[in-house]
Amino acid sequence: MNASIRQIHPVFVGEVSGIDISRPLSAGEVAAVEAGMDRYAVLVFRDQKITDEQQMVFSRNFGALEDARGGNITRPEDKRLSEGMNDVSNLGRDGQPLDRASRQRLFNLGNMLWHSDSSFRPIPAKYSLLSARVVNPIGATPSSPTCAPPTTSSTRARRRSSRTSCASTR
């Protein structure tokens, strides 16, 4: 199947089809993704079942992975994801939602505010590649992303929260 990108928002956002990001990309596929990013700024790859390692391999097509040490308060022994991945979810190492008063959860709530990933670094990120491994079926709004559902949600909804991860490239 050939790669194609269709616009899914009147101003930006394209949906990519015909590219399997779980396997190595061809030079043409990399070029198509970069052209799509230039045109739409945000690309969506639906129904891609990928591991952390596959996400990092995909990300390396666009530059070196960012060394994000110092960009989070999570202690090394509390990390859930592979080295090289940043966890912006509301889940603890055990896969359960973090306690409402957790420093890690409170720190991650900052991701709900508008920001530009790694713009403060000497070499800013070229792209931020996010993946939701489990998407909250209740949906999300700008004030309620799936990676950190509102604390007023039911316990059942919070347990269905996404396993969101990201790998920034420079």
C-alpha atoms as a PDB file:
ATOM      1  CA  MET A   1       0.000   0.000   0.000  1.00  0.00           C
ATOM      2  CA  ASN A   2       1.271   3.490  -0.799  1.00  0.00           C
ATOM      3  CA  ALA A   3       1.553   6.118   1.892  1.00  0.00           C
ATOM      4  CA  SER A   4      -1.132   8.764   1.862  1.00  0.00           C
ATOM      5  CA  ILE A   5      -2.028  11.620   4.161  1.00  0.00           C
ATOM      6  CA  ARG A   6      -5.459  13.209   4.318  1.00  0.00           C
ATOM      7  CA  GLN A   7      -6.302  16.400   6.161  1.00  0.00           C
ATOM      8  CA  ILE A   8      -8.613  15.764   9.135  1.00  0.00           C
ATOM      9  CA  HIS A   9      -8.810  19.279  10.608  1.00  0.00           C
ATOM     10  CA  PRO A  10      -9.560  22.538   8.785  1.00  0.00           C
ATOM     11  CA  VAL A  11      -6.286  24.170   9.890  1.00  0.00           C
ATOM     12  CA  PHE A  12      -3.809  21.354  10.595  1.00  0.00           C
ATOM     13  CA  VAL A  13      -3.570  17.598  11.342  1.00  0.00           C
ATOM     14  CA  GLY A  14      -3.190  14.874   8.776  1.00  0.00           C
ATOM     15  CA  GLU A  15      -4.064  11.200   9.076  1.00  0.00           C
ATOM     16  CA  VAL A  16      -1.468   8.830   7.633  1.00  0.00           C
ATOM     17  CA  SER A  17      -2.381   5.531   6.024  1.00  0.00           C
ATOM     18  CA  GLY A  18      -0.255   3.000   4.209  1.00  0.00           C
ATOM     19  CA  ILE A  19       2.718   3.181   6.585  1.00  0.00           C
ATOM     20  CA  ASP A  20       3.364   0.468   9.171  1.00  0.00           C
ATOM     21  CA  ILE A  21       5.474   2.177  11.832  1.00  0.00           C
ATOM     22  CA  SER A  22       6.156  -1.131  13.594  1.00  0.00           C
ATOM     23  CA  ARG A  23       8.746  -1.989  10.930  1.00  0.00           C
ATOM     24  CA  PRO A  24      11.706  -0.072   9.437  1.00  0.00           C
ATOM     25  CA  LEU A  25      10.616   2.658   7.017  1.00  0.00           C
ATOM     26  CA  SER A  26      11.836   3.142   3.478  1.00  0.00           C
ATOM     27  CA  ALA A  27      13.467   6.440   2.484  1.00  0.00           C
ATOM     28  CA  GLY A  28      10.262   7.281   0.604  1.00  0.00           C
ATOM     29  CA  GLU A  29       8.116   6.693   3.683  1.00  0.00           C
ATOM     30  CA  VAL A  30      10.407   8.868   5.811  1.00  0.00           C
ATOM     31  CA  ALA A  31      10.193  11.616   3.170  1.00  0.00           C
ATOM     32  CA  ALA A  32       6.387  11.314   3.103  1.00  0.00           C
ATOM     33  CA  VAL A  33       6.171  11.680   6.901  1.00  0.00           C
ATOM     34  CA  GLU A  34       8.482  14.714   6.874  1.00  0.00           C
ATOM     35  CA  ALA A  35       6.476  16.319   4.046  1.00  0.00           C
ATOM     36  CA  GLY A  36       3.295  15.622   6.016  1.00  0.00           C
ATOM     37  CA  MET A  37       4.758  17.248   9.126  1.00  0.00           C
ATOM     38  CA  ASP A  38       5.769  20.279   7.048  1.00  0.00           C
ATOM     39  CA  ARG A  39       2.238  20.585   5.692  1.00  0.00           C
ATOM     40  CA  TYR A  40       0.055  19.605   8.685  1.00  0.00           C
ATOM     41  CA  ALA A  41       2.304  19.973  11.793  1.00  0.00           C
ATOM     42  CA  VAL A  42       0.501  17.022  13.452  1.00  0.00           C
ATOM     43  CA  LEU A  43       0.157  13.546  11.982  1.00  0.00           C
ATOM     44  CA  VAL A  44      -2.040  10.732  13.279  1.00  0.00           C
ATOM     45  CA  PHE A  45      -1.148   7.067  12.683  1.00  0.00           C
ATOM     46  CA  ARG A  46      -4.214   5.081  13.751  1.00  0.00           C
ATOM     47  CA  ASP A  47      -4.303   1.485  14.940  1.00  0.00           C
ATOM     48  CA  GLN A  48      -0.542   0.998  15.083  1.00  0.00           C
ATOM     49  CA  LYS A  49       0.393  -1.680  17.613  1.00  0.00           C
ATOM     50  CA  ILE A  50       3.955  -0.792  18.601  1.00  0.00           C
ATOM     51  CA  THR A  51       6.349  -1.463  21.434  1.00  0.00           C
ATOM     52  CA  ASP A  52       8.555   1.146  23.090  1.00  0.00           C
ATOM     53  CA  GLU A  53      11.516  -0.152  21.063  1.00  0.00           C
ATOM     54  CA  GLN A  54       9.577   0.086  17.795  1.00  0.00           C
ATOM     55  CA  GLN A  55       8.551   3.639  18.650  1.00  0.00           C
ATOM     56  CA  MET A  56      12.189   4.578  19.269  1.00  0.00           C
ATOM     57  CA  VAL A  57      13.275   2.948  15.976  1.00  0.00           C
ATOM     58  CA  PHE A  58      10.551   4.918  14.161  1.00  0.00           C
ATOM     59  CA  SER A  59      11.594   8.122  15.955  1.00  0.00           C
ATOM     60  CA  ARG A  60      15.251   7.723  14.959  1.00  0.00           C
ATOM     61  CA  ASN A  61      14.197   8.172  11.320  1.00  0.00           C
ATOM     62  CA  PHE A  62      13.866  11.876  12.120  1.00  0.00           C
ATOM     63  CA  GLY A  63      16.958  12.492  14.243  1.00  0.00           C
ATOM     64  CA  ALA A  64      18.767  11.437  17.367  1.00  0.00           C
ATOM     65  CA  LEU A  65      16.588  10.750  20.399  1.00  0.00           C
ATOM     66  CA  GLU A  66      16.685  13.492  22.974  1.00  0.00           C
ATOM     67  CA  ASP A  67      18.424  12.759  26.257  1.00  0.00           C
ATOM     68  CA  ALA A  68      15.597  13.890  28.513  1.00  0.00           C
ATOM     69  CA  ARG A  69      17.380  13.418  31.828  1.00  0.00           C
ATOM     70  CA  GLY A  70      16.561  16.244  34.158  1.00  0.00           C
ATOM     71  CA  GLY A  71      13.204  16.855  32.511  1.00  0.00           C
ATOM     72  CA  ASN A  72      11.094  14.911  34.988  1.00  0.00           C
ATOM     73  CA  ILE A  73      10.864  14.302  38.722  1.00  0.00           C
ATOM     74  CA  THR A  74      10.197  10.560  38.523  1.00  0.00           C
ATOM     75  CA  ARG A  75      12.842   8.593  40.428  1.00  0.00           C
ATOM     76  CA  PRO A  76      14.648   5.957  38.341  1.00  0.00           C
ATOM     77  CA  GLU A  77      13.221   3.123  40.447  1.00  0.00           C
ATOM     78  CA  ASP A  78       9.665   4.411  39.800  1.00  0.00           C
ATOM     79  CA  LYS A  79       9.909   4.552  35.997  1.00  0.00           C
ATOM     80  CA  ARG A  80       7.562   2.282  34.011  1.00  0.00           C
ATOM     81  CA  LEU A  81       8.958   2.716  30.532  1.00  0.00           C
ATOM     82  CA  SER A  82      12.167   1.766  28.747  1.00  0.00           C
ATOM     83  CA  GLU A  83      15.267   3.951  28.849  1.00  0.00           C
ATOM     84  CA  GLY A  84      14.818   6.580  26.157  1.00  0.00           C
ATOM     85  CA  MET A  85      11.065   6.952  26.692  1.00  0.00           C
ATOM     86  CA  ASN A  86       9.324   9.723  28.607  1.00  0.00           C
ATOM     87  CA  ASP A  87       6.169   8.865  30.514  1.00  0.00           C
ATOM     88  CA  VAL A  88       3.520  11.583  30.506  1.00  0.00           C
ATOM     89  CA  SER A  89       0.703   9.374  31.759  1.00  0.00           C
ATOM     90  CA  ASN A  90      -1.085   9.298  35.080  1.00  0.00           C
ATOM     91  CA  LEU A  91       0.001   5.718  35.763  1.00  0.00           C
ATOM     92  CA  GLY A  92       2.513   4.426  38.287  1.00  0.00           C
ATOM     93  CA  ARG A  93       5.026   1.619  37.865  1.00  0.00           C
ATOM     94  CA  ASP A  94       2.301  -0.884  38.840  1.00  0.00           C
ATOM     95  CA  GLY A  95       0.066   0.308  35.967  1.00  0.00           C
ATOM     96  CA  GLN A  96      -2.490   1.827  38.344  1.00  0.00           C
ATOM     97  CA  PRO A  97      -3.484   5.521  38.368  1.00  0.00           C
ATOM     98  CA  LEU A  98      -1.195   7.601  40.554  1.00  0.00           C
ATOM     99  CA  ASP A  99      -2.562   8.913  43.818  1.00  0.00           C
ATOM    100  CA  ARG A 100      -4.147  12.355  43.508  1.00  0.00           C
ATOM    101  CA  ALA A 101      -1.437  13.859  45.761  1.00  0.00           C
ATOM    102  CA  SER A 102       1.485  12.132  43.982  1.00  0.00           C
ATOM    103  CA  ARG A 103       4.341  14.530  43.082  1.00  0.00           C
ATOM    104  CA  GLN A 104       4.800  12.637  39.817  1.00  0.00           C
ATOM    105  CA  ARG A 105       1.125  13.071  38.891  1.00  0.00           C
ATOM    106  CA  LEU A 106       1.168  16.746  39.823  1.00  0.00           C
ATOM    107  CA  PHE A 107       4.321  17.281  37.745  1.00  0.00           C
ATOM    108  CA  ASN A 108       2.730  15.516  34.765  1.00  0.00           C
ATOM    109  CA  LEU A 109      -0.376  17.697  35.006  1.00  0.00           C
ATOM    110  CA  GLY A 110       1.817  20.436  33.514  1.00  0.00           C
ATOM    111  CA  ASN A 111       1.604  18.535  30.235  1.00  0.00           C
ATOM    112  CA  MET A 112      -2.067  19.525  30.104  1.00  0.00           C
ATOM    113  CA  LEU A 113      -1.053  23.161  29.642  1.00  0.00           C
ATOM    114  CA  TRP A 114       0.013  24.509  26.275  1.00  0.00           C
ATOM    115  CA  HIS A 115       3.747  24.153  25.861  1.00  0.00           C
ATOM    116  CA  SER A 116       6.384  23.504  23.253  1.00  0.00           C
ATOM    117  CA  ASP A 117       8.272  20.302  24.014  1.00  0.00           C
ATOM    118  CA  SER A 118      11.954  20.828  24.753  1.00  0.00           C
ATOM    119  CA  SER A 119      12.103  24.314  23.244  1.00  0.00           C
ATOM    120  CA  PHE A 120      14.340  25.306  26.170  1.00  0.00           C
ATOM    121  CA  ARG A 121      17.056  22.768  25.356  1.00  0.00           C
ATOM    122  CA  PRO A 122      20.271  23.737  23.517  1.00  0.00           C
ATOM    123  CA  ILE A 123      19.059  21.601  20.593  1.00  0.00           C
ATOM    124  CA  PRO A 124      15.244  21.795  20.650  1.00  0.00           C
ATOM    125  CA  ALA A 125      13.145  18.803  19.669  1.00  0.00           C
ATOM    126  CA  LYS A 126      12.297  18.523  15.981  1.00  0.00           C
ATOM    127  CA  TYR A 127       9.171  16.473  16.698  1.00  0.00           C
ATOM    128  CA  SER A 128       7.470  14.917  19.698  1.00  0.00           C
ATOM    129  CA  LEU A 129       6.156  11.463  18.908  1.00  0.00           C
ATOM    130  CA  LEU A 130       3.397  10.364  21.264  1.00  0.00           C
ATOM    131  CA  SER A 131       1.676   7.020  21.386  1.00  0.00           C
ATOM    132  CA  ALA A 132      -1.407   6.059  23.322  1.00  0.00           C
ATOM    133  CA  ARG A 133      -1.288   2.311  23.852  1.00  0.00           C
ATOM    134  CA  VAL A 134      -4.760   2.208  25.408  1.00  0.00           C
ATOM    135  CA  VAL A 135      -7.148   5.010  24.525  1.00  0.00           C
ATOM    136  CA  ASN A 136      -9.772   6.081  27.012  1.00  0.00           C
ATOM    137  CA  PRO A 137     -13.133   5.246  25.369  1.00  0.00           C
ATOM    138  CA  ILE A 138     -14.764   8.206  27.128  1.00  0.00           C
ATOM    139  CA  GLY A 139     -12.770  10.572  24.933  1.00  0.00           C
ATOM    140  CA  ALA A 140     -10.801  13.668  25.667  1.00  0.00           C
ATOM    141  CA  THR A 141     -11.080  17.425  25.490  1.00  0.00           C
ATOM    142  CA  PRO A 142      -8.321  20.060  25.502  1.00  0.00           C
ATOM    143  CA  SER A 143      -8.706  20.281  29.285  1.00  0.00           C
ATOM    144  CA  SER A 144      -8.905  16.505  29.667  1.00  0.00           C
ATOM    145  CA  PRO A 145      -6.308  14.650  27.608  1.00  0.00           C
ATOM    146  CA  THR A 146      -6.397  10.862  27.705  1.00  0.00           C
ATOM    147  CA  CYS A 147      -2.951  10.800  29.306  1.00  0.00           C
ATOM    148  CA  ALA A 148      -4.291  12.536  32.433  1.00  0.00           C
ATOM    149  CA  PRO A 149      -8.065  12.306  32.786  1.00  0.00           C
ATOM    150  CA  PRO A 150      -9.655  14.688  35.249  1.00  0.00           C
ATOM    151  CA  THR A 151      -9.616  13.551  38.835  1.00  0.00           C
ATOM    152  CA  THR A 152     -13.390  13.963  38.902  1.00  0.00           C
ATOM    153  CA  SER A 153     -13.718  11.027  36.490  1.00  0.00           C
ATOM    154  CA  SER A 154     -14.926   7.781  37.863  1.00  0.00           C
ATOM    155  CA  THR A 155     -12.347   5.316  39.144  1.00  0.00           C
ATOM    156  CA  ARG A 156     -13.334   3.010  36.287  1.00  0.00           C
ATOM    157  CA  ALA A 157     -12.583   5.729  33.701  1.00  0.00           C
ATOM    158  CA  ARG A 158      -9.238   6.573  35.311  1.00  0.00           C
ATOM    159  CA  ARG A 159      -8.219   2.897  35.227  1.00  0.00           C
ATOM    160  CA  ARG A 160      -8.856   2.886  31.476  1.00  0.00           C
ATOM    161  CA  SER A 161      -6.445   5.785  31.017  1.00  0.00           C
ATOM    162  CA  SER A 162      -3.963   5.673  28.215  1.00  0.00           C
ATOM    163  CA  ARG A 163      -0.415   4.410  28.449  1.00  0.00           C
ATOM    164  CA  THR A 164       1.039   7.428  26.734  1.00  0.00           C
ATOM    165  CA  SER A 165       4.705   7.662  25.977  1.00  0.00           C
ATOM    166  CA  CYS A 166       6.858   9.856  23.860  1.00  0.00           C
ATOM    167  CA  ALA A 167      10.231   9.942  22.237  1.00  0.00           C
ATOM    168  CA  SER A 168      11.434  13.381  21.197  1.00  0.00           C
ATOM    169  CA  THR A 169      13.907  13.743  18.363  1.00  0.00           C
ATOM    170  CA  ARG A 170      16.326  16.545  17.775  1.00  0.00           C
END
